[in-house]
Amino acid sequence: MRSSRTALAIALLGVALGGCGGTTTAPGGGEEPGPAEIVDGWTSCAEAAPRAGEVITGRGTQTSAPAVPEPTIGRIDPAFTPVAVVLCGRQIRPGAGGGQEQAATERRAEDIDGLLAALRLPDQRADGEIACTLDLVIPPWLALVDERGRWLRPYLPTDSCRKPRTEVTAALAGLSWKTVDTRTVGQVESPAAEAAGCAQRWSDMVWVETRHGRPGPPAAAVSPAAGPLRLCVYEVPASQQGGDKPAGDFVYGGPLPAERQAGVLRGLSNRRAVVDCSTPASRFAVLRPLDGTAGPDRYVELDGCLRFLVAAPAGGAQLGQGDDALAKLLGPV
């Protein structure tokens, strides 16, 4: 069983990444929320909150979940006596065959007097100007359950920065959580991407820069000299092609063979004029330093317009025109 602090951190992280599961901050305008809606018959997180803490995953790896009506979040009715709290969320863990997978979790805790006292605190109001950080804190998906199995979504009182009061987060972290259920719901990183040292998903920055940026032409400073490079190739789903920031899914990759790298770098140092073309690429390659050090990121369209982009660590991007020969050098390693 994980420690209570680890369990809470996982739940908070999952919700922040996915942006799902509902928020429990005060309604607009700061008015005091009303009583929470009481629901009969708690079943499970899988039924009551199938998307709580959802993490974005690669195409074709996420288990879809039906929309579930959310009960009204609010203050605890004095006639409702909770005996336990349930925490629904997600965590990232190693996959059985390598890579990483996303798991939905259901945790339960009792002896919740301290938590109930914290949940009944009022919101803190700001007196004049206050300094607040800009980090986004999305509260976890919580349900309070009574001895009859009825449940409600409690409102989390906020501090003067409109974030959950520290008394609430401290009370949650201090509970003894018991894992009731853990189930795999999707893949975050495939074993192949992990073995190649590549991210599972990446954005087509050639398309982004040509559409929203102002990349310049390849400069003379773009030299064939470079340390060993890692090749990562991504396929863009048809639904993403032509969008503002098309994201591709990992296809293949690994260290770029030295005999290919020399030809690739020569192709990326040419000064040919960029063709007038607006065809989105269905595949693109990303080349980065093999040792993970800072260096220019190189993006190459493997079809479509066959353009390439060299983005320097300090900023600025240079656009160039590739060809079929360059794309062929970036085939499976």
C-alpha atoms as a PDB file:
ATOM      1  CA  MET A   1       0.000   0.000   0.000  1.00  0.00           C
ATOM      2  CA  ARG A   2       1.323   3.436  -0.894  1.00  0.00           C
ATOM      3  CA  SER A   3       1.840   6.082   1.757  1.00  0.00           C
ATOM      4  CA  SER A   4      -0.969   8.579   2.184  1.00  0.00           C
ATOM      5  CA  ARG A   5       1.163  11.453   0.927  1.00  0.00           C
ATOM      6  CA  THR A   6       2.141   9.550  -2.206  1.00  0.00           C
ATOM      7  CA  ALA A   7      -1.454   8.541  -2.878  1.00  0.00           C
ATOM      8  CA  LEU A   8      -2.668  12.127  -2.588  1.00  0.00           C
ATOM      9  CA  ALA A   9       0.134  13.445  -4.785  1.00  0.00           C
ATOM     10  CA  ILE A  10      -0.749  10.918  -7.496  1.00  0.00           C
ATOM     11  CA  ALA A  11      -4.416  11.864  -7.382  1.00  0.00           C
ATOM     12  CA  LEU A  12      -3.704  15.577  -7.612  1.00  0.00           C
ATOM     13  CA  LEU A  13      -1.237  15.086 -10.451  1.00  0.00           C
ATOM     14  CA  GLY A  14      -3.632  12.951 -12.461  1.00  0.00           C
ATOM     15  CA  VAL A  15      -6.387  15.541 -12.284  1.00  0.00           C
ATOM     16  CA  ALA A  16      -4.013  18.375 -13.151  1.00  0.00           C
ATOM     17  CA  LEU A  17      -2.778  16.549 -16.218  1.00  0.00           C
ATOM     18  CA  GLY A  18      -6.144  15.466 -17.475  1.00  0.00           C
ATOM     19  CA  GLY A  19      -8.196  18.467 -16.428  1.00  0.00           C
ATOM     20  CA  CYS A  20     -11.174  16.160 -15.844  1.00  0.00           C
ATOM     21  CA  GLY A  21     -13.181  14.942 -12.919  1.00  0.00           C
ATOM     22  CA  GLY A  22     -14.758  18.215 -11.896  1.00  0.00           C
ATOM     23  CA  THR A  23     -13.504  21.078  -9.770  1.00  0.00           C
ATOM     24  CA  THR A  24     -14.571  21.930  -6.267  1.00  0.00           C
ATOM     25  CA  THR A  25     -13.807  25.601  -5.989  1.00  0.00           C
ATOM     26  CA  ALA A  26     -16.420  28.205  -5.188  1.00  0.00           C
ATOM     27  CA  PRO A  27     -18.964  29.332  -7.802  1.00  0.00           C
ATOM     28  CA  GLY A  28     -18.267  32.461  -9.801  1.00  0.00           C
ATOM     29  CA  GLY A  29     -18.440  35.639  -7.768  1.00  0.00           C
ATOM     30  CA  GLY A  30     -17.333  33.920  -4.552  1.00  0.00           C
ATOM     31  CA  GLU A  31     -20.820  33.251  -3.178  1.00  0.00           C
ATOM     32  CA  GLU A  32     -21.197  30.571  -0.520  1.00  0.00           C
ATOM     33  CA  PRO A  33     -22.159  27.216  -2.113  1.00  0.00           C
ATOM     34  CA  GLY A  34     -25.362  25.479  -1.098  1.00  0.00           C
ATOM     35  CA  PRO A  35     -25.695  21.954   0.296  1.00  0.00           C
ATOM     36  CA  ALA A  36     -24.265  19.045  -1.689  1.00  0.00           C
ATOM     37  CA  GLU A  37     -26.630  16.709  -3.484  1.00  0.00           C
ATOM     38  CA  ILE A  38     -26.969  13.375  -1.670  1.00  0.00           C
ATOM     39  CA  VAL A  39     -26.937  10.297  -3.919  1.00  0.00           C
ATOM     40  CA  ASP A  40     -28.218   6.861  -2.921  1.00  0.00           C
ATOM     41  CA  GLY A  41     -26.026   3.787  -3.197  1.00  0.00           C
ATOM     42  CA  TRP A  42     -22.285   4.308  -3.675  1.00  0.00           C
ATOM     43  CA  THR A  43     -20.973   1.711  -6.133  1.00  0.00           C
ATOM     44  CA  SER A  44     -17.453   2.473  -7.357  1.00  0.00           C
ATOM     45  CA  CYS A  45     -15.231   5.076  -8.962  1.00  0.00           C
ATOM     46  CA  ALA A  46     -15.571   3.158 -12.231  1.00  0.00           C
ATOM     47  CA  GLU A  47     -19.292   3.958 -12.297  1.00  0.00           C
ATOM     48  CA  ALA A  48     -19.482   7.279 -10.455  1.00  0.00           C
ATOM     49  CA  ALA A  49     -16.323   8.930 -11.823  1.00  0.00           C
ATOM     50  CA  PRO A  50     -14.938   6.974 -14.816  1.00  0.00           C
ATOM     51  CA  ARG A  51     -12.840   9.920 -16.023  1.00  0.00           C
ATOM     52  CA  ALA A  52     -11.574  11.279 -12.681  1.00  0.00           C
ATOM     53  CA  GLY A  53      -7.925  12.238 -12.993  1.00  0.00           C
ATOM     54  CA  GLU A  54      -7.792  11.251 -16.654  1.00  0.00           C
ATOM     55  CA  VAL A  55      -4.387  11.565 -18.287  1.00  0.00           C
ATOM     56  CA  ILE A  56      -4.002  12.292 -22.005  1.00  0.00           C
ATOM     57  CA  THR A  57      -2.762   9.195 -23.829  1.00  0.00           C
ATOM     58  CA  GLY A  58      -1.767   8.214 -27.328  1.00  0.00           C
ATOM     59  CA  ARG A  59      -4.198   7.534 -30.159  1.00  0.00           C
ATOM     60  CA  GLY A  60      -6.024   4.242 -29.832  1.00  0.00           C
ATOM     61  CA  THR A  61      -4.825   3.588 -26.275  1.00  0.00           C
ATOM     62  CA  GLN A  62      -7.511   5.195 -24.161  1.00  0.00           C
ATOM     63  CA  THR A  63     -10.547   3.326 -22.943  1.00  0.00           C
ATOM     64  CA  SER A  64     -13.585   5.486 -23.593  1.00  0.00           C
ATOM     65  CA  ALA A  65     -15.971   6.065 -20.744  1.00  0.00           C
ATOM     66  CA  PRO A  66     -19.578   7.188 -20.926  1.00  0.00           C
ATOM     67  CA  ALA A  67     -20.549  10.590 -19.638  1.00  0.00           C
ATOM     68  CA  VAL A  68     -21.846  10.340 -16.088  1.00  0.00           C
ATOM     69  CA  PRO A  69     -24.033  13.103 -14.587  1.00  0.00           C
ATOM     70  CA  GLU A  70     -22.184  14.760 -11.726  1.00  0.00           C
ATOM     71  CA  PRO A  71     -24.086  15.403  -8.490  1.00  0.00           C
ATOM     72  CA  THR A  72     -24.080  18.991  -7.259  1.00  0.00           C
ATOM     73  CA  ILE A  73     -20.986  19.796  -5.221  1.00  0.00           C
ATOM     74  CA  GLY A  74     -21.639  21.682  -2.004  1.00  0.00           C
ATOM     75  CA  ARG A  75     -21.437  21.919   1.752  1.00  0.00           C
ATOM     76  CA  ILE A  76     -22.114  18.879   3.942  1.00  0.00           C
ATOM     77  CA  ASP A  77     -25.728  18.743   5.148  1.00  0.00           C
ATOM     78  CA  PRO A  78     -25.820  18.564   8.983  1.00  0.00           C
ATOM     79  CA  ALA A  79     -28.215  15.609   8.657  1.00  0.00           C
ATOM     80  CA  PHE A  80     -25.631  13.667   6.626  1.00  0.00           C
ATOM     81  CA  THR A  81     -23.047  11.799   8.734  1.00  0.00           C
ATOM     82  CA  PRO A  82     -20.058  10.621   6.662  1.00  0.00           C
ATOM     83  CA  VAL A  83     -18.109   7.596   7.838  1.00  0.00           C
ATOM     84  CA  ALA A  84     -15.597   7.326   4.973  1.00  0.00           C
ATOM     85  CA  VAL A  85     -14.074   9.265   2.101  1.00  0.00           C
ATOM     86  CA  VAL A  86     -13.372   7.857  -1.370  1.00  0.00           C
ATOM     87  CA  LEU A  87     -10.670   9.267  -3.639  1.00  0.00           C
ATOM     88  CA  CYS A  88     -10.986   8.546  -7.384  1.00  0.00           C
ATOM     89  CA  GLY A  89      -8.011   9.241  -9.627  1.00  0.00           C
ATOM     90  CA  ARG A  90      -5.352   7.987 -11.991  1.00  0.00           C
ATOM     91  CA  GLN A  91      -1.692   7.070 -11.751  1.00  0.00           C
ATOM     92  CA  ILE A  92       1.096   6.319 -14.211  1.00  0.00           C
ATOM     93  CA  ARG A  93       2.923   3.031 -13.639  1.00  0.00           C
ATOM     94  CA  PRO A  94       5.307   0.730 -15.552  1.00  0.00           C
ATOM     95  CA  GLY A  95       3.560  -1.509 -18.069  1.00  0.00           C
ATOM     96  CA  ALA A  96       3.788  -5.271 -17.780  1.00  0.00           C
ATOM     97  CA  GLY A  97       5.709  -5.509 -21.066  1.00  0.00           C
ATOM     98  CA  GLY A  98       7.616  -2.241 -20.723  1.00  0.00           C
ATOM     99  CA  GLY A  99       6.658   1.363 -21.320  1.00  0.00           C
ATOM    100  CA  GLN A 100       4.125   3.090 -19.099  1.00  0.00           C
ATOM    101  CA  GLU A 101       0.414   2.648 -18.596  1.00  0.00           C
ATOM    102  CA  GLN A 102      -2.374   4.671 -17.051  1.00  0.00           C
ATOM    103  CA  ALA A 103      -4.312   3.065 -14.201  1.00  0.00           C
ATOM    104  CA  ALA A 104      -7.555   4.226 -12.614  1.00  0.00           C
ATOM    105  CA  THR A 105      -7.530   3.967  -8.831  1.00  0.00           C
ATOM    106  CA  GLU A 106     -10.096   3.951  -6.057  1.00  0.00           C
ATOM    107  CA  ARG A 107      -8.882   4.635  -2.517  1.00  0.00           C
ATOM    108  CA  ARG A 108     -10.872   4.741   0.700  1.00  0.00           C
ATOM    109  CA  ALA A 109     -10.145   6.081   4.165  1.00  0.00           C
ATOM    110  CA  GLU A 110     -12.008   6.146   7.473  1.00  0.00           C
ATOM    111  CA  ASP A 111     -11.338   8.020  10.746  1.00  0.00           C
ATOM    112  CA  ILE A 112     -12.142  11.214   8.862  1.00  0.00           C
ATOM    113  CA  ASP A 113     -13.035  13.574  11.733  1.00  0.00           C
ATOM    114  CA  GLY A 114     -10.091  15.846  10.952  1.00  0.00           C
ATOM    115  CA  LEU A 115     -11.027  15.998   7.276  1.00  0.00           C
ATOM    116  CA  LEU A 116     -14.662  16.811   8.069  1.00  0.00           C
ATOM    117  CA  ALA A 117     -13.571  19.654  10.340  1.00  0.00           C
ATOM    118  CA  ALA A 118     -11.401  21.065   7.544  1.00  0.00           C
ATOM    119  CA  LEU A 119     -14.215  20.739   4.977  1.00  0.00           C
ATOM    120  CA  ARG A 120     -16.542  22.738   7.218  1.00  0.00           C
ATOM    121  CA  LEU A 121     -14.158  25.708   7.386  1.00  0.00           C
ATOM    122  CA  PRO A 122     -15.262  28.909   5.622  1.00  0.00           C
ATOM    123  CA  ASP A 123     -13.567  30.322   2.562  1.00  0.00           C
ATOM    124  CA  GLN A 124     -10.797  32.766   3.335  1.00  0.00           C
ATOM    125  CA  ARG A 125     -11.439  36.212   1.888  1.00  0.00           C
ATOM    126  CA  ALA A 126      -8.702  38.481   0.601  1.00  0.00           C
ATOM    127  CA  ASP A 127      -8.218  41.759   2.445  1.00  0.00           C
ATOM    128  CA  GLY A 128      -6.872  44.140  -0.182  1.00  0.00           C
ATOM    129  CA  GLU A 129      -4.068  43.223  -2.565  1.00  0.00           C
ATOM    130  CA  ILE A 130      -2.500  39.781  -2.115  1.00  0.00           C
ATOM    131  CA  ALA A 131       0.254  37.987  -4.025  1.00  0.00           C
ATOM    132  CA  CYS A 132      -0.874  34.674  -5.476  1.00  0.00           C
ATOM    133  CA  THR A 133       1.103  32.181  -7.540  1.00  0.00           C
ATOM    134  CA  LEU A 134      -0.104  31.343 -11.044  1.00  0.00           C
ATOM    135  CA  ASP A 135       0.131  27.560 -10.712  1.00  0.00           C
ATOM    136  CA  LEU A 136      -3.107  25.724 -11.432  1.00  0.00           C
ATOM    137  CA  VAL A 137      -4.342  23.497  -8.607  1.00  0.00           C
ATOM    138  CA  ILE A 138      -7.288  21.283  -9.519  1.00  0.00           C
ATOM    139  CA  PRO A 139      -8.677  19.465  -6.470  1.00  0.00           C
ATOM    140  CA  PRO A 140      -9.051  15.682  -6.426  1.00  0.00           C
ATOM    141  CA  TRP A 141     -12.327  13.848  -7.018  1.00  0.00           C
ATOM    142  CA  LEU A 142     -13.719  13.105  -3.535  1.00  0.00           C
ATOM    143  CA  ALA A 143     -16.895  11.456  -2.290  1.00  0.00           C
ATOM    144  CA  LEU A 144     -18.070  11.240   1.314  1.00  0.00           C
ATOM    145  CA  VAL A 145     -20.040   8.086   2.146  1.00  0.00           C
ATOM    146  CA  ASP A 146     -22.366   7.484   5.122  1.00  0.00           C
ATOM    147  CA  GLU A 147     -23.163   4.189   6.840  1.00  0.00           C
ATOM    148  CA  ARG A 148     -26.195   3.679   4.589  1.00  0.00           C
ATOM    149  CA  GLY A 149     -24.055   3.881   1.466  1.00  0.00           C
ATOM    150  CA  ARG A 150     -25.327   7.301   0.455  1.00  0.00           C
ATOM    151  CA  TRP A 151     -22.706   9.719  -0.850  1.00  0.00           C
ATOM    152  CA  LEU A 152     -22.036  13.320  -1.849  1.00  0.00           C
ATOM    153  CA  ARG A 153     -19.339  15.471  -3.460  1.00  0.00           C
ATOM    154  CA  PRO A 154     -17.992  17.843  -0.790  1.00  0.00           C
ATOM    155  CA  TYR A 155     -17.047  21.428  -1.504  1.00  0.00           C
ATOM    156  CA  LEU A 156     -13.415  22.222  -0.659  1.00  0.00           C
ATOM    157  CA  PRO A 157     -13.121  25.604   1.097  1.00  0.00           C
ATOM    158  CA  THR A 158     -10.579  27.891  -0.522  1.00  0.00           C
ATOM    159  CA  ASP A 159      -7.905  30.286   0.669  1.00  0.00           C
ATOM    160  CA  SER A 160      -7.572  33.922  -0.350  1.00  0.00           C
ATOM    161  CA  CYS A 161      -5.982  32.819  -3.663  1.00  0.00           C
ATOM    162  CA  ARG A 162      -9.018  30.661  -4.523  1.00  0.00           C
ATOM    163  CA  LYS A 163      -7.085  27.408  -3.947  1.00  0.00           C
ATOM    164  CA  PRO A 164      -8.042  24.646  -1.483  1.00  0.00           C
ATOM    165  CA  ARG A 165      -7.201  25.624   2.071  1.00  0.00           C
ATOM    166  CA  THR A 166      -4.033  24.046   3.438  1.00  0.00           C
ATOM    167  CA  GLU A 167      -6.071  22.507   6.266  1.00  0.00           C
ATOM    168  CA  VAL A 168      -7.944  20.427   3.685  1.00  0.00           C
ATOM    169  CA  THR A 169      -4.872  19.216   1.803  1.00  0.00           C
ATOM    170  CA  ALA A 170      -3.091  18.461   5.081  1.00  0.00           C
ATOM    171  CA  ALA A 171      -6.092  16.472   6.359  1.00  0.00           C
ATOM    172  CA  LEU A 172      -6.225  14.462   3.112  1.00  0.00           C
ATOM    173  CA  ALA A 173      -2.489  13.755   3.246  1.00  0.00           C
ATOM    174  CA  GLY A 174      -2.771  12.593   6.849  1.00  0.00           C
ATOM    175  CA  LEU A 175      -5.372   9.901   6.186  1.00  0.00           C
ATOM    176  CA  SER A 176      -4.583   6.178   6.020  1.00  0.00           C
ATOM    177  CA  TRP A 177      -5.664   5.340   2.468  1.00  0.00           C
ATOM    178  CA  LYS A 178      -6.550   1.802   1.444  1.00  0.00           C
ATOM    179  CA  THR A 179      -6.533   0.929  -2.261  1.00  0.00           C
ATOM    180  CA  VAL A 180      -9.906  -0.613  -3.131  1.00  0.00           C
ATOM    181  CA  ASP A 181      -9.470  -1.004  -6.885  1.00  0.00           C
ATOM    182  CA  THR A 182      -6.810  -0.469  -9.542  1.00  0.00           C
ATOM    183  CA  ARG A 183      -7.450  -1.110 -13.217  1.00  0.00           C
ATOM    184  CA  THR A 184      -5.480  -0.406 -16.373  1.00  0.00           C
ATOM    185  CA  VAL A 185      -7.280   2.049 -18.646  1.00  0.00           C
ATOM    186  CA  GLY A 186      -4.725   3.015 -21.280  1.00  0.00           C
ATOM    187  CA  GLN A 187      -1.161   3.193 -22.483  1.00  0.00           C
ATOM    188  CA  VAL A 188       0.910   6.333 -21.936  1.00  0.00           C
ATOM    189  CA  GLU A 189       4.207   5.182 -23.432  1.00  0.00           C
ATOM    190  CA  SER A 190       4.654   2.084 -25.580  1.00  0.00           C
ATOM    191  CA  PRO A 191       7.510  -0.367 -24.960  1.00  0.00           C
ATOM    192  CA  ALA A 192       8.853   0.520 -28.421  1.00  0.00           C
ATOM    193  CA  ALA A 193       8.974   4.249 -27.644  1.00  0.00           C
ATOM    194  CA  GLU A 194      10.677   3.557 -24.327  1.00  0.00           C
ATOM    195  CA  ALA A 195      13.277   1.307 -25.965  1.00  0.00           C
ATOM    196  CA  ALA A 196      13.963   3.956 -28.638  1.00  0.00           C
ATOM    197  CA  GLY A 197      14.327   6.732 -26.061  1.00  0.00           C
ATOM    198  CA  CYS A 198      11.520   8.691 -27.716  1.00  0.00           C
ATOM    199  CA  ALA A 199       8.408  10.343 -26.350  1.00  0.00           C
ATOM    200  CA  GLN A 200       5.143   8.647 -27.241  1.00  0.00           C
ATOM    201  CA  ARG A 201       3.697  11.819 -28.754  1.00  0.00           C
ATOM    202  CA  TRP A 202       5.240  14.906 -30.341  1.00  0.00           C
ATOM    203  CA  SER A 203       3.991  17.951 -32.198  1.00  0.00           C
ATOM    204  CA  ASP A 204       4.776  18.682 -35.840  1.00  0.00           C
ATOM    205  CA  MET A 205       6.692  21.900 -35.311  1.00  0.00           C
ATOM    206  CA  VAL A 206       7.344  22.408 -39.022  1.00  0.00           C
ATOM    207  CA  TRP A 207       3.604  22.886 -39.478  1.00  0.00           C
ATOM    208  CA  VAL A 208       3.290  24.991 -36.310  1.00  0.00           C
ATOM    209  CA  GLU A 209       6.131  27.340 -37.209  1.00  0.00           C
ATOM    210  CA  THR A 210       5.123  27.776 -40.837  1.00  0.00           C
ATOM    211  CA  ARG A 211       1.572  28.479 -39.813  1.00  0.00           C
ATOM    212  CA  HIS A 212       2.063  30.644 -36.739  1.00  0.00           C
ATOM    213  CA  GLY A 213       5.740  31.591 -36.624  1.00  0.00           C
ATOM    214  CA  ARG A 214       8.125  33.367 -38.940  1.00  0.00           C
ATOM    215  CA  PRO A 215      10.981  30.941 -39.542  1.00  0.00           C
ATOM    216  CA  GLY A 216      13.887  32.218 -41.587  1.00  0.00           C
ATOM    217  CA  PRO A 217      15.766  30.362 -44.328  1.00  0.00           C
ATOM    218  CA  PRO A 218      18.576  27.938 -43.426  1.00  0.00           C
ATOM    219  CA  ALA A 219      21.642  29.908 -42.415  1.00  0.00           C
ATOM    220  CA  ALA A 220      25.278  29.197 -43.169  1.00  0.00           C
ATOM    221  CA  ALA A 221      25.714  28.417 -39.475  1.00  0.00           C
ATOM    222  CA  VAL A 222      23.712  25.204 -39.959  1.00  0.00           C
ATOM    223  CA  SER A 223      26.775  22.972 -40.230  1.00  0.00           C
ATOM    224  CA  PRO A 224      26.956  19.232 -40.932  1.00  0.00           C
ATOM    225  CA  ALA A 225      28.980  18.924 -37.728  1.00  0.00           C
ATOM    226  CA  ALA A 226      26.964  17.491 -34.829  1.00  0.00           C
ATOM    227  CA  GLY A 227      27.225  14.861 -32.125  1.00  0.00           C
ATOM    228  CA  PRO A 228      25.322  11.566 -32.372  1.00  0.00           C
ATOM    229  CA  LEU A 229      21.606  12.080 -32.945  1.00  0.00           C
ATOM    230  CA  ARG A 230      18.477  10.201 -31.937  1.00  0.00           C
ATOM    231  CA  LEU A 231      15.765   9.706 -34.539  1.00  0.00           C
ATOM    232  CA  CYS A 232      12.100   9.658 -33.517  1.00  0.00           C
ATOM    233  CA  VAL A 233       9.402   9.348 -36.187  1.00  0.00           C
ATOM    234  CA  TYR A 234       5.738  10.143 -35.616  1.00  0.00           C
ATOM    235  CA  GLU A 235       2.544   9.534 -37.568  1.00  0.00           C
ATOM    236  CA  VAL A 236      -0.111  12.242 -37.532  1.00  0.00           C
ATOM    237  CA  PRO A 237      -3.714  10.969 -37.415  1.00  0.00           C
ATOM    238  CA  ALA A 238      -5.903  12.299 -40.208  1.00  0.00           C
ATOM    239  CA  SER A 239      -8.030  14.081 -37.602  1.00  0.00           C
ATOM    240  CA  GLN A 240      -4.963  16.095 -36.475  1.00  0.00           C
ATOM    241  CA  GLN A 241      -3.539  16.964 -39.889  1.00  0.00           C
ATOM    242  CA  GLY A 242      -3.916  20.627 -40.727  1.00  0.00           C
ATOM    243  CA  GLY A 243      -4.815  21.620 -37.147  1.00  0.00           C
ATOM    244  CA  ASP A 244      -3.168  24.367 -35.131  1.00  0.00           C
ATOM    245  CA  LYS A 245      -0.697  22.001 -33.446  1.00  0.00           C
ATOM    246  CA  PRO A 246      -0.934  18.499 -34.966  1.00  0.00           C
ATOM    247  CA  ALA A 247       0.366  15.785 -32.651  1.00  0.00           C
ATOM    248  CA  GLY A 248       1.896  12.579 -33.940  1.00  0.00           C
ATOM    249  CA  ASP A 249       2.118   9.111 -32.371  1.00  0.00           C
ATOM    250  CA  PHE A 250       5.443   7.269 -32.167  1.00  0.00           C
ATOM    251  CA  VAL A 251       6.142   4.860 -35.046  1.00  0.00           C
ATOM    252  CA  TYR A 252       9.863   4.026 -34.887  1.00  0.00           C
ATOM    253  CA  GLY A 253      13.167   5.445 -33.765  1.00  0.00           C
ATOM    254  CA  GLY A 254      16.505   4.993 -32.050  1.00  0.00           C
ATOM    255  CA  PRO A 255      20.102   6.168 -32.487  1.00  0.00           C
ATOM    256  CA  LEU A 256      20.638   7.447 -36.029  1.00  0.00           C
ATOM    257  CA  PRO A 257      23.381   5.354 -37.714  1.00  0.00           C
ATOM    258  CA  ALA A 258      26.535   7.382 -38.319  1.00  0.00           C
ATOM    259  CA  GLU A 259      26.580   6.611 -42.042  1.00  0.00           C
ATOM    260  CA  ARG A 260      23.067   8.031 -42.379  1.00  0.00           C
ATOM    261  CA  GLN A 261      23.668  10.997 -40.081  1.00  0.00           C
ATOM    262  CA  ALA A 262      26.294  12.542 -42.346  1.00  0.00           C
ATOM    263  CA  GLY A 263      23.892  12.489 -45.302  1.00  0.00           C
ATOM    264  CA  VAL A 264      21.016  13.807 -43.183  1.00  0.00           C
ATOM    265  CA  LEU A 265      23.041  16.759 -41.943  1.00  0.00           C
ATOM    266  CA  ARG A 266      24.184  17.569 -45.464  1.00  0.00           C
ATOM    267  CA  GLY A 267      20.548  17.552 -46.555  1.00  0.00           C
ATOM    268  CA  LEU A 268      19.652  19.890 -43.702  1.00  0.00           C
ATOM    269  CA  SER A 269      22.380  22.386 -44.658  1.00  0.00           C
ATOM    270  CA  ASN A 270      21.175  23.011 -48.212  1.00  0.00           C
ATOM    271  CA  ARG A 271      19.978  26.492 -49.205  1.00  0.00           C
ATOM    272  CA  ARG A 272      17.216  25.511 -51.654  1.00  0.00           C
ATOM    273  CA  ALA A 273      14.177  27.761 -51.785  1.00  0.00           C
ATOM    274  CA  VAL A 274      11.189  26.444 -49.872  1.00  0.00           C
ATOM    275  CA  VAL A 275       8.402  25.392 -52.228  1.00  0.00           C
ATOM    276  CA  ASP A 276       4.992  27.012 -52.061  1.00  0.00           C
ATOM    277  CA  CYS A 277       3.071  24.151 -50.453  1.00  0.00           C
ATOM    278  CA  SER A 278       0.320  23.708 -47.837  1.00  0.00           C
ATOM    279  CA  THR A 279      -0.125  19.915 -47.742  1.00  0.00           C
ATOM    280  CA  PRO A 280      -0.002  18.623 -44.132  1.00  0.00           C
ATOM    281  CA  ALA A 281       2.479  15.843 -43.466  1.00  0.00           C
ATOM    282  CA  SER A 282       1.200  12.470 -42.287  1.00  0.00           C
ATOM    283  CA  ARG A 283       4.645  11.581 -40.898  1.00  0.00           C
ATOM    284  CA  PHE A 284       7.516  13.645 -39.571  1.00  0.00           C
ATOM    285  CA  ALA A 285      10.895  13.000 -37.961  1.00  0.00           C
ATOM    286  CA  VAL A 286      12.477  14.618 -34.918  1.00  0.00           C
ATOM    287  CA  LEU A 287      16.258  14.588 -34.498  1.00  0.00           C
ATOM    288  CA  ARG A 288      17.771  15.460 -31.123  1.00  0.00           C
ATOM    289  CA  PRO A 289      21.168  14.947 -29.439  1.00  0.00           C
ATOM    290  CA  LEU A 290      21.530  11.311 -28.421  1.00  0.00           C
ATOM    291  CA  ASP A 291      22.979  12.175 -25.013  1.00  0.00           C
ATOM    292  CA  GLY A 292      20.068  14.467 -24.127  1.00  0.00           C
ATOM    293  CA  THR A 293      22.175  17.635 -24.030  1.00  0.00           C
ATOM    294  CA  ALA A 294      20.870  20.934 -25.336  1.00  0.00           C
ATOM    295  CA  GLY A 295      21.218  21.292 -29.059  1.00  0.00           C
ATOM    296  CA  PRO A 296      19.187  22.312 -32.078  1.00  0.00           C
ATOM    297  CA  ASP A 297      15.998  20.296 -32.582  1.00  0.00           C
ATOM    298  CA  ARG A 298      15.615  19.210 -36.185  1.00  0.00           C
ATOM    299  CA  TYR A 299      12.203  18.432 -37.670  1.00  0.00           C
ATOM    300  CA  VAL A 300      11.685  16.901 -41.109  1.00  0.00           C
ATOM    301  CA  GLU A 301       8.422  16.312 -42.965  1.00  0.00           C
ATOM    302  CA  LEU A 302       8.610  12.809 -44.459  1.00  0.00           C
ATOM    303  CA  ASP A 303       5.817  13.449 -46.963  1.00  0.00           C
ATOM    304  CA  GLY A 304       3.570  16.343 -47.892  1.00  0.00           C
ATOM    305  CA  CYS A 305       5.744  19.410 -48.498  1.00  0.00           C
ATOM    306  CA  LEU A 306       9.009  17.706 -47.374  1.00  0.00           C
ATOM    307  CA  ARG A 307      10.189  20.805 -45.525  1.00  0.00           C
ATOM    308  CA  PHE A 308      12.516  20.815 -42.530  1.00  0.00           C
ATOM    309  CA  LEU A 309      12.974  23.098 -39.537  1.00  0.00           C
ATOM    310  CA  VAL A 310      16.052  23.643 -37.376  1.00  0.00           C
ATOM    311  CA  ALA A 311      15.145  25.171 -33.997  1.00  0.00           C
ATOM    312  CA  ALA A 312      18.024  26.549 -31.906  1.00  0.00           C
ATOM    313  CA  PRO A 313      17.959  26.140 -28.080  1.00  0.00           C
ATOM    314  CA  ALA A 314      18.184  29.914 -27.618  1.00  0.00           C
ATOM    315  CA  GLY A 315      15.191  30.501 -29.878  1.00  0.00           C
ATOM    316  CA  GLY A 316      14.679  31.163 -33.530  1.00  0.00           C
ATOM    317  CA  ALA A 317      13.943  28.692 -36.288  1.00  0.00           C
ATOM    318  CA  GLN A 318      15.267  28.176 -39.791  1.00  0.00           C
ATOM    319  CA  LEU A 319      13.056  26.667 -42.470  1.00  0.00           C
ATOM    320  CA  GLY A 320      14.444  24.682 -45.368  1.00  0.00           C
ATOM    321  CA  GLN A 321      13.375  22.447 -48.223  1.00  0.00           C
ATOM    322  CA  GLY A 322      14.085  18.739 -48.092  1.00  0.00           C
ATOM    323  CA  ASP A 323      13.455  16.038 -50.687  1.00  0.00           C
ATOM    324  CA  ASP A 324      12.700  12.348 -51.081  1.00  0.00           C
ATOM    325  CA  ALA A 325      16.368  11.449 -50.601  1.00  0.00           C
ATOM    326  CA  LEU A 326      16.415  13.101 -47.162  1.00  0.00           C
ATOM    327  CA  ALA A 327      13.163  11.409 -46.194  1.00  0.00           C
ATOM    328  CA  LYS A 328      14.591   8.025 -47.241  1.00  0.00           C
ATOM    329  CA  LEU A 329      17.607   8.515 -44.968  1.00  0.00           C
ATOM    330  CA  LEU A 330      15.180   8.881 -42.077  1.00  0.00           C
ATOM    331  CA  GLY A 331      13.501   5.530 -42.631  1.00  0.00           C
ATOM    332  CA  PRO A 332      13.345   2.784 -39.942  1.00  0.00           C
ATOM    333  CA  VAL A 333      16.668   2.263 -38.151  1.00  0.00           C
END
